[in-house]
C-alpha atoms as a PDB file:
ATOM      1  CA  UNK A   1     -33.546 -22.551  33.518  1.00  0.00           C
ATOM      2  CA  UNK A   2     -33.830 -18.792  33.537  1.00  0.00           C
ATOM      3  CA  UNK A   3     -37.089 -17.309  32.309  1.00  0.00           C
ATOM      4  CA  UNK A   4     -36.537 -13.665  31.472  1.00  0.00           C
ATOM      5  CA  UNK A   5     -39.228 -11.344  30.291  1.00  0.00           C
ATOM      6  CA  UNK A   6     -38.648  -8.365  28.049  1.00  0.00           C
ATOM      7  CA  UNK A   7     -38.987  -6.131  31.098  1.00  0.00           C
ATOM      8  CA  UNK A   8     -36.322  -8.111  32.964  1.00  0.00           C
ATOM      9  CA  UNK A   9     -33.853  -7.674  30.092  1.00  0.00           C
ATOM     10  CA  UNK A  10     -34.560  -4.012  29.527  1.00  0.00           C
ATOM     11  CA  UNK A  11     -34.143  -3.188  33.222  1.00  0.00           C
ATOM     12  CA  UNK A  12     -30.756  -4.912  33.323  1.00  0.00           C
ATOM     13  CA  UNK A  13     -27.933  -2.476  33.947  1.00  0.00           C
ATOM     14  CA  UNK A  14     -24.273  -3.468  33.835  1.00  0.00           C
ATOM     15  CA  UNK A  15     -22.954  -4.251  37.270  1.00  0.00           C
ATOM     16  CA  UNK A  16     -19.943  -2.053  36.644  1.00  0.00           C
ATOM     17  CA  UNK A  17     -18.094  -0.360  33.814  1.00  0.00           C
ATOM     18  CA  UNK A  18     -15.603  -3.219  33.542  1.00  0.00           C
ATOM     19  CA  UNK A  19     -17.280  -4.618  30.407  1.00  0.00           C
ATOM     20  CA  UNK A  20     -17.328  -1.173  28.804  1.00  0.00           C
ATOM     21  CA  UNK A  21     -13.679  -0.656  29.678  1.00  0.00           C
ATOM     22  CA  UNK A  22     -12.765  -4.063  28.234  1.00  0.00           C
ATOM     23  CA  UNK A  23     -14.719  -3.289  25.065  1.00  0.00           C
ATOM     24  CA  UNK A  24     -12.942   0.071  24.709  1.00  0.00           C
ATOM     25  CA  UNK A  25      -9.548  -1.517  25.264  1.00  0.00           C
ATOM     26  CA  UNK A  26     -10.349  -4.234  22.725  1.00  0.00           C
ATOM     27  CA  UNK A  27     -11.514  -1.627  20.222  1.00  0.00           C
ATOM     28  CA  UNK A  28      -8.417   0.526  20.815  1.00  0.00           C
ATOM     29  CA  UNK A  29      -6.159  -2.511  20.384  1.00  0.00           C
ATOM     30  CA  UNK A  30      -7.913  -3.560  17.183  1.00  0.00           C
ATOM     31  CA  UNK A  31      -7.738  -0.007  15.851  1.00  0.00           C
ATOM     32  CA  UNK A  32      -4.034   0.136  16.649  1.00  0.00           C
ATOM     33  CA  UNK A  33      -3.406  -3.155  14.872  1.00  0.00           C
ATOM     34  CA  UNK A  34      -5.359  -1.992  11.818  1.00  0.00           C
ATOM     35  CA  UNK A  35      -3.317   1.217  11.710  1.00  0.00           C
ATOM     36  CA  UNK A  36      -0.096  -0.799  11.811  1.00  0.00           C
ATOM     37  CA  UNK A  37      -1.267  -3.056   8.972  1.00  0.00           C
ATOM     38  CA  UNK A  38      -2.342  -0.068   6.869  1.00  0.00           C
ATOM     39  CA  UNK A  39       0.975   1.700   7.467  1.00  0.00           C
ATOM     40  CA  UNK A  40       2.864  -1.475   6.527  1.00  0.00           C
ATOM     41  CA  UNK A  41       0.810  -1.755   3.309  1.00  0.00           C
ATOM     42  CA  UNK A  42       1.438   1.924   2.510  1.00  0.00           C
ATOM     43  CA  UNK A  43       5.209   1.412   2.996  1.00  0.00           C
ATOM     44  CA  UNK A  44       5.201  -1.665   0.757  1.00  0.00           C
ATOM     45  CA  UNK A  45       3.243   0.102  -1.978  1.00  0.00           C
ATOM     46  CA  UNK A  46       5.627   3.056  -1.798  1.00  0.00           C
ATOM     47  CA  UNK A  47       8.621   0.707  -2.120  1.00  0.00           C
ATOM     48  CA  UNK A  48       7.052  -1.059  -5.099  1.00  0.00           C
ATOM     49  CA  UNK A  49       6.179   2.283  -6.714  1.00  0.00           C
ATOM     50  CA  UNK A  50       9.757   3.491  -6.277  1.00  0.00           C
ATOM     51  CA  UNK A  51      11.095   0.267  -7.810  1.00  0.00           C
ATOM     52  CA  UNK A  52       8.727   0.520 -10.795  1.00  0.00           C
ATOM     53  CA  UNK A  53       9.709   4.130 -11.442  1.00  0.00           C
ATOM     54  CA  UNK A  54      13.376   3.225 -11.198  1.00  0.00           C
ATOM     55  CA  UNK A  55      12.925   0.415 -13.712  1.00  0.00           C
ATOM     56  CA  UNK A  56      11.037   2.723 -16.067  1.00  0.00           C
ATOM     57  CA  UNK A  57      13.884   5.247 -15.870  1.00  0.00           C
ATOM     58  CA  UNK A  58      16.416   2.458 -16.576  1.00  0.00           C
ATOM     59  CA  UNK A  59      14.339   1.289 -19.539  1.00  0.00           C
ATOM     60  CA  UNK A  60      14.174   4.860 -20.867  1.00  0.00           C
ATOM     61  CA  UNK A  61      17.981   5.134 -20.666  1.00  0.00           C
ATOM     62  CA  UNK A  62      18.379   1.804 -22.485  1.00  0.00           C
ATOM     63  CA  UNK A  63      15.994   2.908 -25.224  1.00  0.00           C
ATOM     64  CA  UNK A  64      17.985   6.147 -25.648  1.00  0.00           C
ATOM     65  CA  UNK A  65      21.224   4.096 -25.925  1.00  0.00           C
ATOM     66  CA  UNK A  66      19.607   1.754 -28.409  1.00  0.00           C
ATOM     67  CA  UNK A  67      18.434   4.674 -30.579  1.00  0.00           C
ATOM     68  CA  UNK A  68      21.962   6.151 -30.522  1.00  0.00           C
ATOM     69  CA  UNK A  69      23.529   2.810 -31.464  1.00  0.00           C
ATOM     70  CA  UNK A  70      21.068   2.331 -34.327  1.00  0.00           C
ATOM     71  CA  UNK A  71      21.794   5.856 -35.536  1.00  0.00           C
ATOM     72  CA  UNK A  72      25.569   5.166 -35.383  1.00  0.00           C
ATOM     73  CA  UNK A  73      25.120   1.902 -37.326  1.00  0.00           C
ATOM     74  CA  UNK A  74      23.068   3.697 -39.983  1.00  0.00           C
ATOM     75  CA  UNK A  75      25.778   6.370 -40.301  1.00  0.00           C
ATOM     76  CA  UNK A  76      28.505   3.721 -40.645  1.00  0.00           C
ATOM     77  CA  UNK A  77      26.414   1.887 -43.243  1.00  0.00           C
ATOM     78  CA  UNK A  78      26.087   5.107 -45.214  1.00  0.00           C
ATOM     79  CA  UNK A  79      22.307   5.225 -44.919  1.00  0.00           C
ATOM     80  CA  UNK A  80      22.268   8.427 -42.898  1.00  0.00           C
ATOM     81  CA  UNK A  81      24.454  11.501 -42.585  1.00  0.00           C
ATOM     82  CA  UNK A  82      25.869  12.411 -39.181  1.00  0.00           C
ATOM     83  CA  UNK A  83      24.127  15.140 -37.189  1.00  0.00           C
ATOM     84  CA  UNK A  84      26.291  18.180 -36.548  1.00  0.00           C
END
């Protein structure tokens, strides 16, 4: 069993920079993976946003067509005079 004192632990220096290098590589790899995930999420949100805007535009066009058809029906029914 190892009995370390506080002095023993505080005097301990890494044998080499290998652990620091491994930690830096692990951090860099994790940072890279996080960046990829965030970019993927950004791309997906942009795609969804574009789809939503496209559907809103389509719905606007359908509403305009519906208003025109209702107006035409009212004119044919004699309830409204045609716009000139």
